[in-house]
Amino acid sequence: MGTVHAKSLDPLPMHGRDLDVHPEDFMETPDQGQDSKQEILENKDVVVQHVNIQGLGRTKEDLLGYEISDVFHAKNLIDVMKRAHVARQRLLRLGIFKDVEVLIDTSEGTDALPNGLDVTFEVTEVKRLTGSYNTMVGNNEGSMSCLFDRGVFVTLCNVSQVLGLKLPNMLGRAEKLTFQFSYGTKETSYGLSFFKPQPGHFERNLTLNMYKVTGQFPWSSLKETDRGVSAELNFPLGVTNHTLKWEGVWRELGCLARSASFAVREESGHSLKSALSHTVSVDSRNSAIFPSRGALLRINQELAGYTGGDASFLKEDFELQLNRRLFWDSVLSASLWGGMLYPIGGQASCIADRFYLGGPTSVRGFGMYSIGPQSEGDYLGGEAYWAGGLHLYTPLPFRPGKGGFGDLFRTHFFLNAGNLCNLSYGDGPRAHLQKLAECIRWSYGAGIVLRLGNIARLELNYCVPMGVQSGDRICDGVQFGAGIRFL
């Protein structure tokens, strides 16, 4: 058991797991001393004398001191309850406890003050080693890619056996070591990740990764195998959040089929990429999946080539989203994406580094990444793009399942537009903008959206594609989409 002491605190016993307590919960009947208990509730001079932590095993006490220290600043009972609830949430956020209970009681002992309180956190640590084993069948093999932020890899009719091992709280200060191994009918992938937060500042953390992942991209008849290492530092600064990352990766590109175009065959072979990137974001949304208010701005820069490797480019892209609640719980949402890739040193850009556009998560009504330059039916990506969306989300008609299952669904009306192209860098910015404004693809439609927890969503839409250009692949009618990032 760990104990933290303060100079003083206020009397009144309270026990609760979620601390969802109101002052009236402590009111007693007159024969139990209602007047004295009310006097305590109204007491403005409350002192937290001791904070105890029970159930610790391998967890270091100094780590938890940062998370619970704010409880000592409470001025009255309600303030103690609120701060204890926040401290409980901070302890659970560390990912090292599977359960945290809170007990607030009057202080006892020779040093007890008349208005002193003791707060006790009863914790249950997670196991030293946890594991999972799953069989995945389908078109999307994204477990490894999600773990290391490598995008969504798509395979064809792949059956994978996925083994995951996790060592939470490895060194006693919320460190985490994760290993994931995927053995499929087509490819084998693995990844090892070490996560280390700064004590007292969980948002400031360091992640080290080592991985091998294989992606198959049928829209480009391309197969890519990446073997690499990366280091990622996350930290807040004011209202912004920042990510600094270095990645070194050995990339092997090949063709998925004999019918692959010559342009794709030219890209085949080995390359070494060493890149530095910086991402800054400001997110005031009240939800990442179904936001009803707030805004998101995310800007990313990536520089490759100056720390070694064959790839040499500067890549800039951004994401902007605005949300506003309207009448009848409906929400109007507007999104804008854009980006440019500048090859450095006269070197042509690689198909693996370019932008791709189109599909159920971006410009709906078009096939997956099937907008822009293509050769013999293989889509090659582009060096510049923009995409915008206007969306109206409303509750289900007649509100079935309101307050429960029905709140996971929204009806969805949308208008999307965008364009993707390559640039002639001998021209000026005006020529670039003019080229992006030509041959705009757009679409409109309606559908149903389903929220999957707080990280992903499903969409089933009826789409009407417009502004179709020669070579574009369209999906005129029903289109299904699943992902964590939508236009």
Protein backbone atom coordinates (compact mmCIF):
# COMPACT_ATOMS: atom_id res chain seq x y z
CA MET A 1 0.00 0.00 0.00
CA GLY A 2 1.25 3.48 -0.82
CA THR A 3 0.38 6.56 1.25
CA VAL A 4 0.74 10.22 0.40
CA HIS A 5 0.43 12.74 3.25
CA ALA A 6 -0.67 16.34 3.33
CA LYS A 7 -0.85 18.89 6.14
CA SER A 8 -4.59 18.63 6.59
CA LEU A 9 -8.64 17.72 5.41
CA ASP A 10 -12.72 17.50 6.13
CA PRO A 11 -14.92 14.75 7.67
CA LEU A 12 -17.50 12.64 5.94
CA PRO A 13 -17.52 9.03 4.79
CA MET A 14 -18.31 8.23 1.19
CA HIS A 15 -17.76 5.09 -0.83
CA GLY A 16 -18.38 4.85 -4.54
CA ARG A 17 -16.88 3.21 -7.58
CA ASP A 18 -17.77 5.77 -10.20
CA LEU A 19 -18.13 8.69 -7.81
CA ASP A 20 -21.45 9.53 -9.39
CA VAL A 21 -22.72 10.95 -6.11
CA HIS A 22 -24.88 13.90 -5.17
CA PRO A 23 -25.03 15.76 -1.84
CA GLU A 24 -28.54 14.49 -1.17
CA ASP A 25 -27.15 10.95 -1.13
CA PHE A 26 -25.62 11.75 2.25
CA MET A 27 -28.77 13.22 3.84
CA GLU A 28 -29.99 11.13 6.76
CA THR A 29 -33.34 10.84 8.43
CA PRO A 30 -33.83 13.12 11.44
CA ASP A 31 -33.25 10.28 13.92
CA GLN A 32 -29.77 9.71 12.42
CA GLY A 33 -28.47 13.22 12.91
CA GLN A 34 -29.60 15.10 9.84
CA ASP A 35 -28.59 18.47 11.24
CA SER A 36 -24.99 17.45 11.96
CA LYS A 37 -24.55 15.76 8.56
CA GLN A 38 -25.89 18.84 6.74
CA GLU A 39 -23.44 20.96 8.68
CA ILE A 40 -20.59 18.80 7.41
CA LEU A 41 -21.87 19.01 3.82
CA GLU A 42 -21.92 22.79 4.08
CA ASN A 43 -18.46 22.93 5.63
CA LYS A 44 -16.21 25.08 3.43
CA ASP A 45 -12.99 24.18 5.22
CA VAL A 46 -12.19 20.59 4.19
CA VAL A 47 -8.69 19.14 4.29
CA VAL A 48 -7.50 15.93 2.62
CA GLN A 49 -4.91 14.58 5.04
CA HIS A 50 -3.97 11.25 3.47
CA VAL A 51 -4.34 9.60 0.08
CA ASN A 52 -3.80 5.84 0.21
CA ILE A 53 -3.32 3.44 -2.69
CA GLN A 54 -4.09 -0.21 -1.99
CA GLY A 55 -3.43 -3.19 -4.23
CA LEU A 56 -0.10 -2.14 -5.76
CA GLY A 57 2.26 -4.85 -6.93
CA ARG A 58 4.85 -3.96 -9.55
CA THR A 59 3.62 -0.38 -10.10
CA LYS A 60 5.94 2.33 -8.79
CA GLU A 61 4.33 4.73 -6.31
CA ASP A 62 6.05 7.82 -7.73
CA LEU A 63 4.15 7.37 -11.01
CA LEU A 64 0.78 7.47 -9.24
CA GLY A 65 1.71 10.48 -7.13
CA TYR A 66 1.51 12.66 -10.23
CA GLU A 67 -1.94 11.36 -11.10
CA ILE A 68 -3.61 11.78 -7.68
CA SER A 69 -1.85 14.87 -6.28
CA ASP A 70 -4.67 17.18 -7.33
CA VAL A 71 -6.96 15.59 -4.71
CA PHE A 72 -5.05 17.45 -1.97
CA HIS A 73 -6.22 20.80 -3.37
CA ALA A 74 -9.91 20.09 -2.69
CA LYS A 75 -11.69 22.74 -0.59
CA ASN A 76 -14.99 21.01 0.25
CA LEU A 77 -16.64 17.61 0.03
CA ILE A 78 -18.09 18.10 -3.45
CA ASP A 79 -14.67 19.23 -4.64
CA VAL A 80 -13.10 16.12 -3.10
CA MET A 81 -15.58 13.92 -4.96
CA LYS A 82 -14.96 15.66 -8.28
CA ARG A 83 -11.17 15.59 -7.98
CA ALA A 84 -11.21 11.95 -6.86
CA HIS A 85 -13.30 11.08 -9.91
CA VAL A 86 -10.81 12.85 -12.19
CA ALA A 87 -7.92 11.06 -10.46
CA ARG A 88 -9.67 7.71 -10.96
CA GLN A 89 -10.06 8.41 -14.67
CA ARG A 90 -6.39 9.36 -14.91
CA LEU A 91 -5.38 6.10 -13.25
CA LEU A 92 -7.53 4.05 -15.63
CA ARG A 93 -6.13 5.97 -18.60
CA LEU A 94 -2.67 4.62 -17.80
CA GLY A 95 -3.82 1.17 -18.97
CA ILE A 96 -2.18 -0.60 -16.03
CA PHE A 97 -5.28 -1.14 -13.86
CA LYS A 98 -8.36 -3.11 -14.81
CA ASP A 99 -10.34 -1.67 -11.91
CA VAL A 100 -10.08 1.35 -9.59
CA GLU A 101 -12.42 1.98 -6.65
CA VAL A 102 -12.47 5.02 -4.37
CA LEU A 103 -13.23 5.28 -0.66
CA ILE A 104 -13.55 8.64 1.11
CA ASP A 105 -13.66 8.53 4.90
CA THR A 106 -13.02 10.73 7.92
CA SER A 107 -9.43 10.88 9.14
CA GLU A 108 -8.43 8.80 12.15
CA GLY A 109 -5.38 8.76 14.37
CA THR A 110 -3.55 11.14 16.65
CA ASP A 111 -2.99 13.69 13.86
CA ALA A 112 -6.59 13.64 12.62
CA LEU A 113 -8.22 17.04 12.17
CA PRO A 114 -11.89 17.70 12.90
CA ASN A 115 -12.44 18.38 9.21
CA GLY A 116 -9.89 15.88 7.87
CA LEU A 117 -10.59 13.26 5.21
CA ASP A 118 -8.68 10.23 3.99
CA VAL A 119 -9.07 9.17 0.33
CA THR A 120 -8.24 5.58 -0.58
CA PHE A 121 -7.84 4.22 -4.12
CA GLU A 122 -8.25 0.45 -4.29
CA VAL A 123 -6.64 -0.72 -7.53
CA THR A 124 -6.46 -4.04 -9.35
CA GLU A 125 -3.45 -4.34 -11.64
CA VAL A 126 -3.67 -5.96 -15.05
CA LYS A 127 -1.78 -9.19 -15.66
CA ARG A 128 1.91 -9.07 -16.49
CA LEU A 129 1.28 -10.75 -19.84
CA THR A 130 -1.87 -10.77 -21.95
CA GLY A 131 -2.39 -12.45 -25.30
CA SER A 132 -4.91 -12.90 -28.07
CA TYR A 133 -5.35 -15.20 -31.03
CA ASN A 134 -7.75 -14.54 -33.87
CA THR A 135 -8.56 -15.78 -37.33
CA MET A 136 -9.33 -13.04 -39.82
CA VAL A 137 -11.09 -13.74 -43.11
CA GLY A 138 -11.90 -11.02 -45.60
CA ASN A 139 -10.59 -8.27 -47.81
CA ASN A 140 -9.18 -5.94 -45.16
CA GLU A 141 -6.05 -6.87 -43.24
CA GLY A 142 -5.48 -3.74 -41.23
CA SER A 143 -4.44 -4.92 -37.78
CA MET A 144 -0.69 -4.45 -38.26
CA SER A 145 -1.12 -1.30 -40.27
CA CYS A 146 -3.34 0.30 -37.64
CA LEU A 147 -0.83 -0.57 -34.92
CA PHE A 148 1.99 1.23 -36.67
CA ASP A 149 -0.03 3.90 -38.49
CA ARG A 150 0.85 2.51 -41.90
CA GLY A 151 -2.54 3.06 -43.53
CA VAL A 152 -5.00 0.33 -44.49
CA PHE A 153 -3.56 -2.58 -46.45
CA VAL A 154 -5.95 -4.51 -48.65
CA THR A 155 -5.54 -8.14 -49.66
CA LEU A 156 -7.63 -10.42 -51.78
CA CYS A 157 -9.48 -13.29 -50.10
CA ASN A 158 -6.85 -13.60 -47.40
CA VAL A 159 -7.16 -15.80 -44.32
CA SER A 160 -4.85 -14.70 -41.49
CA GLN A 161 -3.99 -16.11 -38.10
CA VAL A 162 -3.19 -13.18 -35.81
CA LEU A 163 -1.26 -13.67 -32.57
CA GLY A 164 -0.89 -10.74 -30.20
CA LEU A 165 1.14 -10.46 -27.00
CA LYS A 166 1.21 -7.48 -24.65
CA LEU A 167 3.30 -6.69 -21.58
CA PRO A 168 1.53 -3.77 -19.89
CA ASN A 169 3.27 -1.83 -17.14
CA MET A 170 6.49 -3.58 -18.11
CA LEU A 171 8.86 -1.58 -15.88
CA GLY A 172 6.32 -0.33 -13.36
CA ARG A 173 5.73 3.13 -14.85
CA ALA A 174 3.02 2.47 -17.47
CA GLU A 175 5.43 1.25 -20.15
CA LYS A 176 3.95 -1.17 -22.68
CA LEU A 177 5.57 -3.70 -24.99
CA THR A 178 3.37 -5.07 -27.77
CA PHE A 179 4.12 -7.83 -30.27
CA GLN A 180 1.82 -8.83 -33.10
CA PHE A 181 2.36 -11.61 -35.60
CA SER A 182 0.07 -12.29 -38.56
CA TYR A 183 0.40 -15.42 -40.67
CA GLY A 184 -1.80 -15.35 -43.75
CA THR A 185 -2.46 -17.44 -46.82
CA LYS A 186 -0.66 -14.76 -48.83
CA GLU A 187 1.81 -12.97 -46.54
CA THR A 188 3.34 -12.87 -43.07
CA SER A 189 3.63 -9.65 -41.06
CA TYR A 190 4.96 -8.79 -37.64
CA GLY A 191 5.50 -5.79 -35.44
CA LEU A 192 7.15 -4.94 -32.13
CA SER A 193 6.25 -1.70 -30.35
CA PHE A 194 7.49 -0.13 -27.10
CA PHE A 195 5.49 2.71 -25.52
CA LYS A 196 6.86 4.94 -22.75
CA PRO A 197 4.83 7.86 -21.27
CA GLN A 198 6.27 10.67 -19.16
CA PRO A 199 5.15 10.29 -15.51
CA GLY A 200 2.46 12.85 -14.74
CA HIS A 201 2.04 13.77 -18.40
CA PHE A 202 0.57 10.77 -20.20
CA GLU A 203 0.08 12.80 -23.41
CA ARG A 204 3.87 13.15 -23.63
CA ASN A 205 5.11 9.77 -24.73
CA LEU A 206 7.69 8.00 -26.84
CA THR A 207 6.96 5.04 -29.12
CA LEU A 208 9.59 2.81 -30.78
CA ASN A 209 8.52 0.43 -33.55
CA MET A 210 10.08 -2.36 -35.56
CA TYR A 211 7.93 -4.01 -38.21
CA LYS A 212 7.50 -5.91 -41.40
CA VAL A 213 4.19 -5.37 -43.21
CA THR A 214 2.98 -6.33 -46.66
CA GLY A 215 0.24 -4.55 -48.52
CA GLN A 216 -1.52 -5.48 -51.72
CA PHE A 217 -3.13 -2.65 -53.65
CA PRO A 218 -5.32 -4.10 -56.41
CA TRP A 219 -6.30 -0.68 -57.79
CA SER A 220 -2.63 -0.23 -58.77
CA SER A 221 -1.75 -3.91 -59.38
CA LEU A 222 0.94 -3.24 -56.78
CA LYS A 223 2.41 -5.21 -53.92
CA GLU A 224 4.57 -3.52 -51.28
CA THR A 225 6.61 -5.05 -48.46
CA ASP A 226 8.02 -2.68 -45.85
CA ARG A 227 10.67 -3.58 -43.30
CA GLY A 228 11.48 -0.72 -41.02
CA VAL A 229 12.00 0.99 -37.70
CA SER A 230 10.55 4.24 -36.40
CA ALA A 231 10.65 6.52 -33.37
CA GLU A 232 7.71 8.76 -32.51
CA LEU A 233 7.46 11.52 -29.89
CA ASN A 234 4.05 12.93 -28.94
CA PHE A 235 3.55 16.03 -26.81
CA PRO A 236 0.97 18.80 -26.25
CA LEU A 237 1.86 22.48 -26.55
CA GLY A 238 -0.88 24.88 -25.50
CA VAL A 239 -4.05 23.91 -27.35
CA THR A 240 -2.08 21.99 -29.99
CA ASN A 241 -0.79 18.43 -30.08
CA HIS A 242 2.45 17.58 -31.85
CA THR A 243 4.04 14.42 -33.22
CA LEU A 244 7.67 14.21 -34.27
CA LYS A 245 8.65 11.05 -36.11
CA TRP A 246 11.62 9.49 -37.82
CA GLU A 247 11.15 6.45 -40.01
CA GLY A 248 13.65 4.30 -41.83
CA VAL A 249 12.12 1.70 -44.11
CA TRP A 250 13.35 -0.70 -46.76
CA ARG A 251 10.62 -0.95 -49.38
CA GLU A 252 10.19 -3.72 -51.89
CA LEU A 253 7.68 -3.04 -54.68
CA GLY A 254 6.36 -5.68 -57.04
CA CYS A 255 3.46 -6.47 -59.35
CA LEU A 256 0.34 -8.27 -58.21
CA ALA A 257 -0.43 -9.78 -61.61
CA ARG A 258 1.16 -10.42 -64.96
CA SER A 259 -1.28 -7.94 -66.45
CA ALA A 260 0.23 -5.04 -64.49
CA SER A 261 0.93 -2.01 -66.63
CA PHE A 262 4.43 -1.03 -67.73
CA ALA A 263 4.24 2.09 -65.55
CA VAL A 264 3.81 -0.11 -62.46
CA ARG A 265 6.57 -2.49 -63.59
CA GLU A 266 8.93 0.49 -63.84
CA GLU A 267 8.31 1.21 -60.17
CA SER A 268 9.17 -2.34 -59.10
CA GLY A 269 12.32 -2.96 -57.11
CA HIS A 270 13.94 -2.01 -53.83
CA SER A 271 14.33 1.43 -52.27
CA LEU A 272 15.36 2.86 -48.93
CA LYS A 273 13.39 5.70 -47.38
CA SER A 274 14.55 7.77 -44.41
CA ALA A 275 12.07 10.50 -43.49
CA LEU A 276 11.41 13.05 -40.77
CA SER A 277 7.83 14.18 -40.22
CA HIS A 278 5.96 16.61 -38.00
CA THR A 279 2.23 16.67 -37.35
CA VAL A 280 0.39 19.41 -35.47
CA SER A 281 -3.31 19.20 -34.65
CA VAL A 282 -5.98 21.20 -32.86
CA ASP A 283 -9.11 19.22 -32.01
CA SER A 284 -12.06 20.80 -30.18
CA ARG A 285 -14.65 18.25 -31.32
CA ASN A 286 -16.77 16.53 -28.69
CA SER A 287 -16.48 13.20 -30.55
CA ALA A 288 -14.16 11.82 -33.22
CA ILE A 289 -16.88 9.68 -34.88
CA PHE A 290 -20.17 11.58 -34.48
CA PRO A 291 -19.12 15.14 -33.57
CA SER A 292 -21.95 17.60 -33.00
CA ARG A 293 -19.76 20.63 -32.41
CA GLY A 294 -16.15 21.75 -32.60
CA ALA A 295 -13.43 21.76 -35.21
CA LEU A 296 -10.35 19.80 -36.24
CA LEU A 297 -7.23 21.11 -37.95
CA ARG A 298 -4.37 18.74 -38.70
CA ILE A 299 -1.25 19.69 -40.68
CA ASN A 300 1.49 17.22 -41.59
CA GLN A 301 4.92 17.77 -43.15
CA GLU A 302 7.29 15.01 -44.23
CA LEU A 303 10.85 15.44 -45.47
CA ALA A 304 12.68 12.48 -46.98
CA GLY A 305 16.22 12.20 -48.31
CA TYR A 306 18.20 14.52 -46.03
CA THR A 307 18.91 11.72 -43.54
CA GLY A 308 19.79 9.17 -46.21
CA GLY A 309 17.87 6.82 -48.45
CA ASP A 310 16.83 6.78 -52.09
CA ALA A 311 13.53 8.68 -51.74
CA SER A 312 13.90 12.46 -51.72
CA PHE A 313 10.83 14.69 -51.43
CA LEU A 314 8.90 17.21 -49.35
CA LYS A 315 5.29 16.32 -48.64
CA GLU A 316 2.64 18.62 -47.17
CA ASP A 317 -0.99 17.79 -46.43
CA PHE A 318 -3.76 19.07 -44.17
CA GLU A 319 -7.22 18.18 -42.89
CA LEU A 320 -9.91 20.62 -41.74
CA GLN A 321 -13.32 19.79 -40.30
CA LEU A 322 -16.05 22.06 -38.90
CA ASN A 323 -19.20 20.84 -37.12
CA ARG A 324 -22.33 22.72 -36.06
CA ARG A 325 -25.46 21.44 -34.35
CA LEU A 326 -28.75 22.40 -36.00
CA PHE A 327 -32.39 21.78 -35.06
CA TRP A 328 -33.80 18.34 -34.11
CA ASP A 329 -30.36 16.99 -33.15
CA SER A 330 -29.11 17.27 -36.71
CA VAL A 331 -25.49 18.23 -37.41
CA LEU A 332 -23.97 20.04 -40.38
CA SER A 333 -20.36 19.06 -41.04
CA ALA A 334 -17.90 20.49 -43.58
CA SER A 335 -14.52 18.92 -44.41
CA LEU A 336 -11.57 19.93 -46.55
CA TRP A 337 -8.46 17.89 -47.36
CA GLY A 338 -5.49 18.83 -49.49
CA GLY A 339 -1.82 18.14 -50.11
CA MET A 340 1.19 18.44 -52.40
CA LEU A 341 4.34 16.36 -52.92
CA TYR A 342 7.51 18.08 -54.18
CA PRO A 343 10.27 15.80 -55.52
CA ILE A 344 13.74 17.04 -54.57
CA GLY A 345 16.91 16.91 -56.62
CA GLY A 346 15.20 16.28 -59.94
CA GLN A 347 14.15 12.82 -58.82
CA ALA A 348 10.73 11.53 -59.87
CA SER A 349 8.24 10.72 -57.15
CA CYS A 350 7.60 7.09 -56.21
CA ILE A 351 4.20 5.46 -56.60
CA ALA A 352 4.33 4.49 -52.90
CA ASP A 353 4.65 8.14 -51.78
CA ARG A 354 1.94 9.77 -53.91
CA PHE A 355 -1.59 10.72 -52.86
CA TYR A 356 -4.66 8.66 -53.76
CA LEU A 357 -8.27 9.76 -53.92
CA GLY A 358 -11.70 8.22 -54.38
CA GLY A 359 -13.76 5.59 -52.63
CA PRO A 360 -16.24 5.24 -49.76
CA THR A 361 -14.01 7.11 -47.29
CA SER A 362 -13.23 10.13 -49.49
CA VAL A 363 -15.05 11.09 -52.70
CA ARG A 364 -17.95 8.65 -52.53
CA GLY A 365 -19.45 7.19 -55.67
CA PHE A 366 -16.02 6.39 -57.13
CA GLY A 367 -14.01 3.18 -56.84
CA MET A 368 -11.30 2.84 -54.21
CA TYR A 369 -8.47 5.25 -55.13
CA SER A 370 -9.66 5.32 -58.75
CA ILE A 371 -9.45 9.06 -59.45
CA GLY A 372 -6.56 10.63 -61.30
CA PRO A 373 -3.63 9.42 -63.42
CA GLN A 374 -3.79 5.80 -64.54
CA SER A 375 -2.10 3.49 -67.01
CA GLU A 376 -3.87 0.51 -68.56
CA GLY A 377 -6.35 0.45 -65.71
CA ASP A 378 -3.75 0.77 -62.94
CA TYR A 379 -4.07 3.95 -60.86
CA LEU A 380 -0.73 5.65 -60.21
CA GLY A 381 -1.65 8.34 -57.68
CA GLY A 382 -0.85 12.03 -57.94
CA GLU A 383 1.42 14.71 -56.55
CA ALA A 384 -1.36 17.12 -55.58
CA TYR A 385 -4.96 16.76 -54.53
CA TRP A 386 -7.87 18.39 -52.77
CA ALA A 387 -11.19 17.04 -51.56
CA GLY A 388 -14.15 18.69 -49.87
CA GLY A 389 -17.33 17.40 -48.31
CA LEU A 390 -20.57 18.82 -46.96
CA HIS A 391 -22.56 16.44 -44.75
CA LEU A 392 -25.87 16.54 -42.90
CA TYR A 393 -26.28 13.97 -40.14
CA THR A 394 -29.69 13.39 -38.54
CA PRO A 395 -31.11 10.81 -36.10
CA LEU A 396 -33.01 7.85 -37.52
CA PRO A 397 -36.58 8.69 -38.57
CA PHE A 398 -39.02 8.44 -35.65
CA ARG A 399 -36.01 7.94 -33.29
CA PRO A 400 -36.23 4.16 -32.72
CA GLY A 401 -34.03 2.99 -29.86
CA LYS A 402 -33.44 6.53 -28.61
CA GLY A 403 -31.08 6.58 -25.64
CA GLY A 404 -29.72 3.14 -26.54
CA PHE A 405 -28.98 1.15 -29.68
CA GLY A 406 -30.59 3.75 -31.93
CA ASP A 407 -28.00 6.36 -30.95
CA LEU A 408 -25.32 4.34 -32.75
CA PHE A 409 -26.94 5.19 -36.10
CA ARG A 410 -27.28 8.38 -38.13
CA THR A 411 -28.85 9.11 -41.46
CA HIS A 412 -26.42 10.79 -43.81
CA PHE A 413 -26.82 13.23 -46.72
CA PHE A 414 -23.62 14.27 -48.47
CA LEU A 415 -22.06 16.28 -51.27
CA ASN A 416 -18.41 15.44 -52.08
CA ALA A 417 -15.96 16.89 -54.59
CA GLY A 418 -12.27 16.65 -55.33
CA ASN A 419 -9.45 16.28 -57.81
CA LEU A 420 -6.03 14.65 -58.02
CA CYS A 421 -3.28 15.25 -60.58
CA ASN A 422 0.46 15.49 -61.21
CA LEU A 423 2.16 18.87 -61.42
CA SER A 424 4.68 20.47 -63.75
CA TYR A 425 7.08 22.09 -61.32
CA GLY A 426 8.46 24.46 -63.90
CA ASP A 427 5.11 26.29 -63.75
CA GLY A 428 4.09 28.74 -61.05
CA PRO A 429 1.50 28.39 -58.26
CA ARG A 430 -1.23 29.85 -60.49
CA ALA A 431 -0.79 27.00 -62.98
CA HIS A 432 -0.92 24.46 -60.16
CA LEU A 433 -4.20 25.84 -58.85
CA GLN A 434 -5.65 25.97 -62.35
CA LYS A 435 -4.77 22.33 -62.93
CA LEU A 436 -6.42 21.29 -59.64
CA ALA A 437 -9.55 23.23 -60.61
CA GLU A 438 -9.94 21.35 -63.89
CA CYS A 439 -12.01 18.18 -64.31
CA ILE A 440 -13.45 18.21 -60.80
CA ARG A 441 -15.13 14.98 -59.76
CA TRP A 442 -18.13 15.26 -57.47
CA SER A 443 -20.96 13.17 -56.11
CA TYR A 444 -24.01 13.30 -53.89
CA GLY A 445 -26.18 10.80 -52.10
CA ALA A 446 -27.63 9.55 -48.83
CA GLY A 447 -27.23 6.60 -46.51
CA ILE A 448 -26.91 5.26 -42.99
CA VAL A 449 -23.87 5.55 -40.71
CA LEU A 450 -23.10 3.17 -37.82
CA ARG A 451 -20.66 4.07 -35.06
CA LEU A 452 -18.28 1.30 -33.92
CA GLY A 453 -17.09 2.35 -30.48
CA ASN A 454 -15.02 5.54 -30.48
CA ILE A 455 -12.55 4.64 -33.22
CA ALA A 456 -14.38 3.61 -36.40
CA ARG A 457 -17.62 3.70 -38.33
CA LEU A 458 -19.49 1.96 -41.14
CA GLU A 459 -21.37 3.65 -43.97
CA LEU A 460 -23.95 2.27 -46.38
CA ASN A 461 -24.72 4.93 -48.98
CA TYR A 462 -26.56 5.34 -52.24
CA CYS A 463 -24.22 7.42 -54.42
CA VAL A 464 -24.65 9.39 -57.62
CA PRO A 465 -21.21 10.18 -59.14
CA MET A 466 -20.88 13.28 -61.33
CA GLY A 467 -18.05 14.94 -63.22
CA VAL A 468 -16.70 11.54 -64.24
CA GLN A 469 -13.54 11.66 -66.39
CA SER A 470 -12.13 9.11 -68.79
CA GLY A 471 -10.44 6.31 -66.86
CA ASP A 472 -12.30 6.88 -63.60
CA ARG A 473 -13.92 3.85 -62.03
CA ILE A 474 -17.33 4.65 -60.57
CA CYS A 475 -19.71 3.02 -58.11
CA ASP A 476 -23.14 4.24 -59.23
CA GLY A 477 -25.60 3.05 -56.60
CA VAL A 478 -25.04 1.34 -53.25
CA GLN A 479 -21.54 1.67 -51.78
CA PHE A 480 -20.25 0.29 -48.47
CA GLY A 481 -17.39 1.82 -46.51
CA ALA A 482 -15.58 1.10 -43.25
CA GLY A 483 -12.72 3.02 -41.68
CA ILE A 484 -11.47 5.43 -39.04
CA ARG A 485 -10.99 8.53 -41.22
CA PHE A 486 -13.72 9.86 -43.51
CA LEU A 487 -14.04 12.98 -45.62
